[in-house]
Amino acid sequence: MTKEKPRQLRWGLPESPTPKHPYRDSMIVYGFFAALVVLLAWITGGSVGKAVVIAAVVWAAATIWSIARWRQRLQREAAAAHNEAEGT
């Protein structure tokens, strides 16, 4: 009886290449979503003032979160490149 290695499932997504401007791109995407929230409030007759406040708070929170995540990823990539250059 041969013992084979059990197959391992990979749950994560493959790493995509880092965009040229990750912070700016994230802010633009979240800005689009914030504008969409305000537009939907206006179209449906909701309170545009409340929608602007909510959209701004959510945009700021999402932007801060994405900046933190991009920063972690860029630091991890820099550390990996540094380790690879040293040969460890």
PDB file of N, CA and C in Angstrom:
ATOM      1  N   MET A   1       0.831  -1.174   0.000  1.00  0.00           N
ATOM      2  CA  MET A   1       0.000   0.000   0.000  1.00  0.00           C
ATOM      3  C   MET A   1       0.885   1.250   0.000  1.00  0.00           C
ATOM      4  N   THR A   2       0.709   2.117  -0.972  1.00  0.00           N
ATOM      5  CA  THR A   2       1.514   3.336  -1.031  1.00  0.00           C
ATOM      6  C   THR A   2       0.790   4.463  -0.310  1.00  0.00           C
ATOM      7  N   LYS A   3       1.600   5.187   0.402  1.00  0.00           N
ATOM      8  CA  LYS A   3       1.020   6.327   1.116  1.00  0.00           C
ATOM      9  C   LYS A   3       1.235   7.580   0.280  1.00  0.00           C
ATOM     10  N   GLU A   4       0.131   8.162  -0.132  1.00  0.00           N
ATOM     11  CA  GLU A   4       0.191   9.398  -0.901  1.00  0.00           C
ATOM     12  C   GLU A   4      -0.076  10.575   0.023  1.00  0.00           C
ATOM     13  N   LYS A   5       0.496  11.671  -0.339  1.00  0.00           N
ATOM     14  CA  LYS A   5       0.229  12.886   0.417  1.00  0.00           C
ATOM     15  C   LYS A   5      -1.224  13.289   0.218  1.00  0.00           C
ATOM     16  N   PRO A   6      -1.902  13.636   1.289  1.00  0.00           N
ATOM     17  CA  PRO A   6      -3.276  14.092   1.091  1.00  0.00           C
ATOM     18  C   PRO A   6      -3.295  15.430   0.356  1.00  0.00           C
ATOM     19  N   ARG A   7      -4.310  15.615  -0.430  1.00  0.00           N
ATOM     20  CA  ARG A   7      -4.436  16.869  -1.163  1.00  0.00           C
ATOM     21  C   ARG A   7      -4.844  17.978  -0.206  1.00  0.00           C
ATOM     22  N   GLN A   8      -4.328  19.144  -0.465  1.00  0.00           N
ATOM     23  CA  GLN A   8      -4.673  20.289   0.366  1.00  0.00           C
ATOM     24  C   GLN A   8      -5.494  21.271  -0.445  1.00  0.00           C
ATOM     25  N   LEU A   9      -6.556  21.734   0.176  1.00  0.00           N
ATOM     26  CA  LEU A   9      -7.387  22.741  -0.471  1.00  0.00           C
ATOM     27  C   LEU A   9      -6.788  24.118  -0.223  1.00  0.00           C
ATOM     28  N   ARG A  10      -6.841  24.942  -1.217  1.00  0.00           N
ATOM     29  CA  ARG A  10      -6.368  26.320  -1.074  1.00  0.00           C
ATOM     30  C   ARG A  10      -7.593  27.230  -1.050  1.00  0.00           C
ATOM     31  N   TRP A  11      -7.842  27.796   0.104  1.00  0.00           N
ATOM     32  CA  TRP A  11      -9.051  28.593   0.276  1.00  0.00           C
ATOM     33  C   TRP A  11      -8.868  30.032  -0.176  1.00  0.00           C
ATOM     34  N   GLY A  12      -7.684  30.542  -0.131  1.00  0.00           N
ATOM     35  CA  GLY A  12      -7.451  31.935  -0.468  1.00  0.00           C
ATOM     36  C   GLY A  12      -7.378  32.152  -1.976  1.00  0.00           C
ATOM     37  N   LEU A  13      -7.537  33.404  -2.349  1.00  0.00           N
ATOM     38  CA  LEU A  13      -7.387  33.768  -3.750  1.00  0.00           C
ATOM     39  C   LEU A  13      -5.906  33.904  -4.072  1.00  0.00           C
ATOM     40  N   PRO A  14      -5.533  33.675  -5.308  1.00  0.00           N
ATOM     41  CA  PRO A  14      -4.127  33.862  -5.664  1.00  0.00           C
ATOM     42  C   PRO A  14      -3.751  35.337  -5.542  1.00  0.00           C
ATOM     43  N   GLU A  15      -2.510  35.590  -5.198  1.00  0.00           N
ATOM     44  CA  GLU A  15      -2.033  36.966  -5.066  1.00  0.00           C
ATOM     45  C   GLU A  15      -2.026  37.621  -6.441  1.00  0.00           C
ATOM     46  N   SER A  16      -2.667  38.765  -6.525  1.00  0.00           N
ATOM     47  CA  SER A  16      -2.647  39.515  -7.772  1.00  0.00           C
ATOM     48  C   SER A  16      -1.507  40.533  -7.694  1.00  0.00           C
ATOM     49  N   PRO A  17      -1.015  40.980  -8.823  1.00  0.00           N
ATOM     50  CA  PRO A  17       0.076  41.947  -8.781  1.00  0.00           C
ATOM     51  C   PRO A  17      -0.386  43.256  -8.132  1.00  0.00           C
ATOM     52  N   THR A  18       0.524  43.923  -7.475  1.00  0.00           N
ATOM     53  CA  THR A  18       0.202  45.180  -6.813  1.00  0.00           C
ATOM     54  C   THR A  18      -0.042  46.261  -7.862  1.00  0.00           C
ATOM     55  N   PRO A  19      -1.159  46.987  -7.752  1.00  0.00           N
ATOM     56  CA  PRO A  19      -1.403  48.074  -8.705  1.00  0.00           C
ATOM     57  C   PRO A  19      -0.360  49.175  -8.574  1.00  0.00           C
ATOM     58  N   LYS A  20      -0.267  49.998  -9.592  1.00  0.00           N
ATOM     59  CA  LYS A  20       0.723  51.071  -9.579  1.00  0.00           C
ATOM     60  C   LYS A  20       0.400  52.119  -8.504  1.00  0.00           C
ATOM     61  N   HIS A  21      -0.886  52.401  -8.295  1.00  0.00           N
ATOM     62  CA  HIS A  21      -1.327  53.392  -7.300  1.00  0.00           C
ATOM     63  C   HIS A  21      -2.422  52.779  -6.427  1.00  0.00           C
ATOM     64  N   PRO A  22      -2.068  51.894  -5.497  1.00  0.00           N
ATOM     65  CA  PRO A  22      -3.104  51.188  -4.746  1.00  0.00           C
ATOM     66  C   PRO A  22      -3.949  52.085  -3.849  1.00  0.00           C
ATOM     67  N   TYR A  23      -3.335  53.084  -3.216  1.00  0.00           N
ATOM     68  CA  TYR A  23      -4.098  53.956  -2.316  1.00  0.00           C
ATOM     69  C   TYR A  23      -5.102  54.793  -3.105  1.00  0.00           C
ATOM     70  N   ARG A  24      -4.624  55.413  -4.168  1.00  0.00           N
ATOM     71  CA  ARG A  24      -5.489  56.248  -4.998  1.00  0.00           C
ATOM     72  C   ARG A  24      -6.624  55.438  -5.603  1.00  0.00           C
ATOM     73  N   ASP A  25      -6.297  54.263  -6.128  1.00  0.00           N
ATOM     74  CA  ASP A  25      -7.323  53.429  -6.745  1.00  0.00           C
ATOM     75  C   ASP A  25      -8.409  53.042  -5.750  1.00  0.00           C
ATOM     76  N   SER A  26      -8.006  52.697  -4.529  1.00  0.00           N
ATOM     77  CA  SER A  26      -8.983  52.332  -3.502  1.00  0.00           C
ATOM     78  C   SER A  26      -9.882  53.508  -3.165  1.00  0.00           C
ATOM     79  N   MET A  27      -9.289  54.699  -3.044  1.00  0.00           N
ATOM     80  CA  MET A  27     -10.086  55.877  -2.716  1.00  0.00           C
ATOM     81  C   MET A  27     -11.082  56.203  -3.823  1.00  0.00           C
ATOM     82  N   ILE A  28     -10.685  56.008  -5.060  1.00  0.00           N
ATOM     83  CA  ILE A  28     -11.588  56.276  -6.184  1.00  0.00           C
ATOM     84  C   ILE A  28     -12.749  55.288  -6.186  1.00  0.00           C
ATOM     85  N   VAL A  29     -12.466  54.022  -5.978  1.00  0.00           N
ATOM     86  CA  VAL A  29     -13.526  53.006  -5.965  1.00  0.00           C
ATOM     87  C   VAL A  29     -14.521  53.278  -4.847  1.00  0.00           C
ATOM     88  N   TYR A  30     -14.010  53.541  -3.641  1.00  0.00           N
ATOM     89  CA  TYR A  30     -14.915  53.811  -2.521  1.00  0.00           C
ATOM     90  C   TYR A  30     -15.649  55.130  -2.719  1.00  0.00           C
ATOM     91  N   GLY A  31     -15.030  56.101  -3.368  1.00  0.00           N
ATOM     92  CA  GLY A  31     -15.714  57.354  -3.696  1.00  0.00           C
ATOM     93  C   GLY A  31     -16.870  57.128  -4.651  1.00  0.00           C
ATOM     94  N   PHE A  32     -16.664  56.237  -5.628  1.00  0.00           N
ATOM     95  CA  PHE A  32     -17.745  55.889  -6.556  1.00  0.00           C
ATOM     96  C   PHE A  32     -18.917  55.265  -5.800  1.00  0.00           C
ATOM     97  N   PHE A  33     -18.614  54.342  -4.874  1.00  0.00           N
ATOM     98  CA  PHE A  33     -19.686  53.716  -4.098  1.00  0.00           C
ATOM     99  C   PHE A  33     -20.412  54.735  -3.219  1.00  0.00           C
ATOM    100  N   ALA A  34     -19.671  55.687  -2.657  1.00  0.00           N
ATOM    101  CA  ALA A  34     -20.291  56.728  -1.838  1.00  0.00           C
ATOM    102  C   ALA A  34     -21.219  57.595  -2.689  1.00  0.00           C
ATOM    103  N   ALA A  35     -20.755  57.951  -3.883  1.00  0.00           N
ATOM    104  CA  ALA A  35     -21.600  58.736  -4.785  1.00  0.00           C
ATOM    105  C   ALA A  35     -22.842  57.956  -5.193  1.00  0.00           C
ATOM    106  N   LEU A  36     -22.694  56.655  -5.369  1.00  0.00           N
ATOM    107  CA  LEU A  36     -23.833  55.810  -5.717  1.00  0.00           C
ATOM    108  C   LEU A  36     -24.876  55.799  -4.598  1.00  0.00           C
ATOM    109  N   VAL A  37     -24.433  55.764  -3.353  1.00  0.00           N
ATOM    110  CA  VAL A  37     -25.358  55.799  -2.214  1.00  0.00           C
ATOM    111  C   VAL A  37     -26.145  57.110  -2.220  1.00  0.00           C
ATOM    112  N   VAL A  38     -25.450  58.222  -2.439  1.00  0.00           N
ATOM    113  CA  VAL A  38     -26.116  59.529  -2.469  1.00  0.00           C
ATOM    114  C   VAL A  38     -27.084  59.600  -3.645  1.00  0.00           C
ATOM    115  N   LEU A  39     -26.669  59.093  -4.790  1.00  0.00           N
ATOM    116  CA  LEU A  39     -27.541  59.089  -5.966  1.00  0.00           C
ATOM    117  C   LEU A  39     -28.802  58.257  -5.721  1.00  0.00           C
ATOM    118  N   LEU A  40     -28.646  57.100  -5.110  1.00  0.00           N
ATOM    119  CA  LEU A  40     -29.808  56.259  -4.821  1.00  0.00           C
ATOM    120  C   LEU A  40     -30.738  56.932  -3.819  1.00  0.00           C
ATOM    121  N   ALA A  41     -30.191  57.627  -2.846  1.00  0.00           N
ATOM    122  CA  ALA A  41     -31.031  58.358  -1.897  1.00  0.00           C
ATOM    123  C   ALA A  41     -31.819  59.446  -2.617  1.00  0.00           C
ATOM    124  N   TRP A  42     -31.167  60.144  -3.536  1.00  0.00           N
ATOM    125  CA  TRP A  42     -31.833  61.209  -4.276  1.00  0.00           C
ATOM    126  C   TRP A  42     -32.928  60.650  -5.185  1.00  0.00           C
ATOM    127  N   ILE A  43     -32.615  59.553  -5.885  1.00  0.00           N
ATOM    128  CA  ILE A  43     -33.584  58.945  -6.810  1.00  0.00           C
ATOM    129  C   ILE A  43     -34.818  58.439  -6.068  1.00  0.00           C
ATOM    130  N   THR A  44     -34.613  57.847  -4.907  1.00  0.00           N
ATOM    131  CA  THR A  44     -35.729  57.265  -4.161  1.00  0.00           C
ATOM    132  C   THR A  44     -36.449  58.273  -3.269  1.00  0.00           C
ATOM    133  N   GLY A  45     -35.992  59.523  -3.267  1.00  0.00           N
ATOM    134  CA  GLY A  45     -36.648  60.546  -2.466  1.00  0.00           C
ATOM    135  C   GLY A  45     -36.240  60.528  -1.006  1.00  0.00           C
ATOM    136  N   GLY A  46     -35.143  59.896  -0.693  1.00  0.00           N
ATOM    137  CA  GLY A  46     -34.658  59.851   0.679  1.00  0.00           C
ATOM    138  C   GLY A  46     -33.952  61.141   1.055  1.00  0.00           C
ATOM    139  N   SER A  47     -33.479  61.191   2.250  1.00  0.00           N
ATOM    140  CA  SER A  47     -32.770  62.369   2.752  1.00  0.00           C
ATOM    141  C   SER A  47     -31.356  62.394   2.186  1.00  0.00           C
ATOM    142  N   VAL A  48     -31.115  63.320   1.290  1.00  0.00           N
ATOM    143  CA  VAL A  48     -29.807  63.415   0.653  1.00  0.00           C
ATOM    144  C   VAL A  48     -28.754  63.856   1.672  1.00  0.00           C
ATOM    145  N   GLY A  49     -29.127  64.716   2.595  1.00  0.00           N
ATOM    146  CA  GLY A  49     -28.186  65.168   3.617  1.00  0.00           C
ATOM    147  C   GLY A  49     -27.684  64.017   4.466  1.00  0.00           C
ATOM    148  N   LYS A  50     -28.613  63.168   4.911  1.00  0.00           N
ATOM    149  CA  LYS A  50     -28.207  61.997   5.692  1.00  0.00           C
ATOM    150  C   LYS A  50     -27.356  61.050   4.854  1.00  0.00           C
ATOM    151  N   ALA A  51     -27.735  60.895   3.587  1.00  0.00           N
ATOM    152  CA  ALA A  51     -26.983  60.005   2.703  1.00  0.00           C
ATOM    153  C   ALA A  51     -25.555  60.495   2.512  1.00  0.00           C
ATOM    154  N   VAL A  52     -25.379  61.814   2.400  1.00  0.00           N
ATOM    155  CA  VAL A  52     -24.036  62.374   2.233  1.00  0.00           C
ATOM    156  C   VAL A  52     -23.193  62.094   3.480  1.00  0.00           C
ATOM    157  N   VAL A  53     -23.786  62.304   4.653  1.00  0.00           N
ATOM    158  CA  VAL A  53     -23.058  62.061   5.901  1.00  0.00           C
ATOM    159  C   VAL A  53     -22.693  60.585   6.026  1.00  0.00           C
ATOM    160  N   ILE A  54     -23.648  59.706   5.796  1.00  0.00           N
ATOM    161  CA  ILE A  54     -23.397  58.266   5.903  1.00  0.00           C
ATOM    162  C   ILE A  54     -22.358  57.825   4.875  1.00  0.00           C
ATOM    163  N   ALA A  55     -22.498  58.312   3.637  1.00  0.00           N
ATOM    164  CA  ALA A  55     -21.554  57.939   2.584  1.00  0.00           C
ATOM    165  C   ALA A  55     -20.151  58.420   2.923  1.00  0.00           C
ATOM    166  N   ALA A  56     -20.030  59.627   3.488  1.00  0.00           N
ATOM    167  CA  ALA A  56     -18.715  60.161   3.838  1.00  0.00           C
ATOM    168  C   ALA A  56     -18.071  59.343   4.961  1.00  0.00           C
ATOM    169  N   VAL A  57     -18.859  58.961   5.955  1.00  0.00           N
ATOM    170  CA  VAL A  57     -18.321  58.167   7.068  1.00  0.00           C
ATOM    171  C   VAL A  57     -17.891  56.789   6.578  1.00  0.00           C
ATOM    172  N   VAL A  58     -18.719  56.159   5.757  1.00  0.00           N
ATOM    173  CA  VAL A  58     -18.380  54.829   5.240  1.00  0.00           C
ATOM    174  C   VAL A  58     -17.174  54.920   4.306  1.00  0.00           C
ATOM    175  N   TRP A  59     -17.115  55.975   3.481  1.00  0.00           N
ATOM    176  CA  TRP A  59     -15.965  56.158   2.594  1.00  0.00           C
ATOM    177  C   TRP A  59     -14.676  56.298   3.406  1.00  0.00           C
ATOM    178  N   ALA A  60     -14.727  57.110   4.463  1.00  0.00           N
ATOM    179  CA  ALA A  60     -13.535  57.311   5.291  1.00  0.00           C
ATOM    180  C   ALA A  60     -13.109  56.010   5.964  1.00  0.00           C
ATOM    181  N   ALA A  61     -14.071  55.268   6.517  1.00  0.00           N
ATOM    182  CA  ALA A  61     -13.738  54.004   7.188  1.00  0.00           C
ATOM    183  C   ALA A  61     -13.156  52.996   6.197  1.00  0.00           C
ATOM    184  N   ALA A  62     -13.777  52.877   5.032  1.00  0.00           N
ATOM    185  CA  ALA A  62     -13.288  51.923   4.030  1.00  0.00           C
ATOM    186  C   ALA A  62     -11.914  52.323   3.513  1.00  0.00           C
ATOM    187  N   THR A  63     -11.688  53.616   3.329  1.00  0.00           N
ATOM    188  CA  THR A  63     -10.395  54.094   2.851  1.00  0.00           C
ATOM    189  C   THR A  63      -9.307  53.833   3.879  1.00  0.00           C
ATOM    190  N   ILE A  64      -9.590  54.109   5.144  1.00  0.00           N
ATOM    191  CA  ILE A  64      -8.609  53.851   6.205  1.00  0.00           C
ATOM    192  C   ILE A  64      -8.283  52.367   6.288  1.00  0.00           C
ATOM    193  N   TRP A  65      -9.312  51.535   6.195  1.00  0.00           N
ATOM    194  CA  TRP A  65      -9.093  50.084   6.249  1.00  0.00           C
ATOM    195  C   TRP A  65      -8.239  49.628   5.065  1.00  0.00           C
ATOM    196  N   SER A  66      -8.562  50.107   3.865  1.00  0.00           N
ATOM    197  CA  SER A  66      -7.808  49.645   2.698  1.00  0.00           C
ATOM    198  C   SER A  66      -6.371  50.160   2.723  1.00  0.00           C
ATOM    199  N   ILE A  67      -6.159  51.369   3.226  1.00  0.00           N
ATOM    200  CA  ILE A  67      -4.789  51.882   3.338  1.00  0.00           C
ATOM    201  C   ILE A  67      -3.986  51.003   4.294  1.00  0.00           C
ATOM    202  N   ALA A  68      -4.602  50.615   5.407  1.00  0.00           N
ATOM    203  CA  ALA A  68      -3.906  49.745   6.360  1.00  0.00           C
ATOM    204  C   ALA A  68      -3.571  48.399   5.725  1.00  0.00           C
ATOM    205  N   ARG A  69      -4.513  47.836   4.986  1.00  0.00           N
ATOM    206  CA  ARG A  69      -4.273  46.544   4.338  1.00  0.00           C
ATOM    207  C   ARG A  69      -3.206  46.644   3.251  1.00  0.00           C
ATOM    208  N   TRP A  70      -3.259  47.702   2.428  1.00  0.00           N
ATOM    209  CA  TRP A  70      -2.244  47.876   1.393  1.00  0.00           C
ATOM    210  C   TRP A  70      -0.873  48.072   2.018  1.00  0.00           C
ATOM    211  N   ARG A  71      -0.830  48.829   3.103  1.00  0.00           N
ATOM    212  CA  ARG A  71       0.447  49.069   3.778  1.00  0.00           C
ATOM    213  C   ARG A  71       1.045  47.759   4.284  1.00  0.00           C
ATOM    214  N   GLN A  72       0.201  46.902   4.889  1.00  0.00           N
ATOM    215  CA  GLN A  72       0.679  45.602   5.367  1.00  0.00           C
ATOM    216  C   GLN A  72       1.217  44.773   4.204  1.00  0.00           C
ATOM    217  N   ARG A  73       0.478  44.765   3.106  1.00  0.00           N
ATOM    218  CA  ARG A  73       0.897  43.961   1.967  1.00  0.00           C
ATOM    219  C   ARG A  73       2.196  44.483   1.373  1.00  0.00           C
ATOM    220  N   LEU A  74       2.336  45.794   1.237  1.00  0.00           N
ATOM    221  CA  LEU A  74       3.554  46.365   0.675  1.00  0.00           C
ATOM    222  C   LEU A  74       4.751  46.111   1.587  1.00  0.00           C
ATOM    223  N   GLN A  75       4.546  46.178   2.906  1.00  0.00           N
ATOM    224  CA  GLN A  75       5.634  45.877   3.835  1.00  0.00           C
ATOM    225  C   GLN A  75       6.014  44.404   3.766  1.00  0.00           C
ATOM    226  N   ARG A  76       5.024  43.531   3.639  1.00  0.00           N
ATOM    227  CA  ARG A  76       5.288  42.094   3.525  1.00  0.00           C
ATOM    228  C   ARG A  76       6.070  41.801   2.246  1.00  0.00           C
ATOM    229  N   GLU A  77       5.684  42.443   1.129  1.00  0.00           N
ATOM    230  CA  GLU A  77       6.389  42.242  -0.128  1.00  0.00           C
ATOM    231  C   GLU A  77       7.819  42.778  -0.054  1.00  0.00           C
ATOM    232  N   ALA A  78       7.996  43.922   0.607  1.00  0.00           N
ATOM    233  CA  ALA A  78       9.342  44.492   0.743  1.00  0.00           C
ATOM    234  C   ALA A  78      10.224  43.590   1.592  1.00  0.00           C
ATOM    235  N   ALA A  79       9.659  43.032   2.667  1.00  0.00           N
ATOM    236  CA  ALA A  79      10.423  42.123   3.521  1.00  0.00           C
ATOM    237  C   ALA A  79      10.799  40.855   2.760  1.00  0.00           C
ATOM    238  N   ALA A  80       9.885  40.340   1.955  1.00  0.00           N
ATOM    239  CA  ALA A  80      10.169  39.140   1.173  1.00  0.00           C
ATOM    240  C   ALA A  80      11.264  39.427   0.144  1.00  0.00           C
ATOM    241  N   ALA A  81      11.203  40.592  -0.484  1.00  0.00           N
ATOM    242  CA  ALA A  81      12.228  40.947  -1.464  1.00  0.00           C
ATOM    243  C   ALA A  81      13.580  41.129  -0.785  1.00  0.00           C
ATOM    244  N   HIS A  82      13.572  41.713   0.398  1.00  0.00           N
ATOM    245  CA  HIS A  82      14.816  41.905   1.154  1.00  0.00           C
ATOM    246  C   HIS A  82      15.421  40.560   1.557  1.00  0.00           C
ATOM    247  N   ASN A  83      14.576  39.663   2.040  1.00  0.00           N
ATOM    248  CA  ASN A  83      15.052  38.326   2.421  1.00  0.00           C
ATOM    249  C   ASN A  83      15.575  37.561   1.222  1.00  0.00           C
ATOM    250  N   GLU A  84      14.915  37.725   0.082  1.00  0.00           N
ATOM    251  CA  GLU A  84      15.347  37.032  -1.133  1.00  0.00           C
ATOM    252  C   GLU A  84      16.700  37.587  -1.607  1.00  0.00           C
ATOM    253  N   ALA A  85      16.883  38.881  -1.442  1.00  0.00           N
ATOM    254  CA  ALA A  85      18.149  39.498  -1.866  1.00  0.00           C
ATOM    255  C   ALA A  85      19.303  39.045  -0.971  1.00  0.00           C
ATOM    256  N   GLU A  86      19.005  38.826   0.302  1.00  0.00           N
ATOM    257  CA  GLU A  86      20.044  38.344   1.233  1.00  0.00           C
ATOM    258  C   GLU A  86      20.300  36.855   1.099  1.00  0.00           C
ATOM    259  N   GLY A  87      19.368  36.162   0.461  1.00  0.00           N
ATOM    260  CA  GLY A  87      19.540  34.725   0.268  1.00  0.00           C
ATOM    261  C   GLY A  87      19.041  33.886   1.420  1.00  0.00           C
ATOM    262  N   THR A  88      18.188  34.437   2.263  1.00  0.00           N
ATOM    263  CA  THR A  88      17.639  33.639   3.376  1.00  0.00           C
ATOM    264  C   THR A  88      16.242  33.201   3.082  1.00  0.00           C
TER     265      THR A  88
END
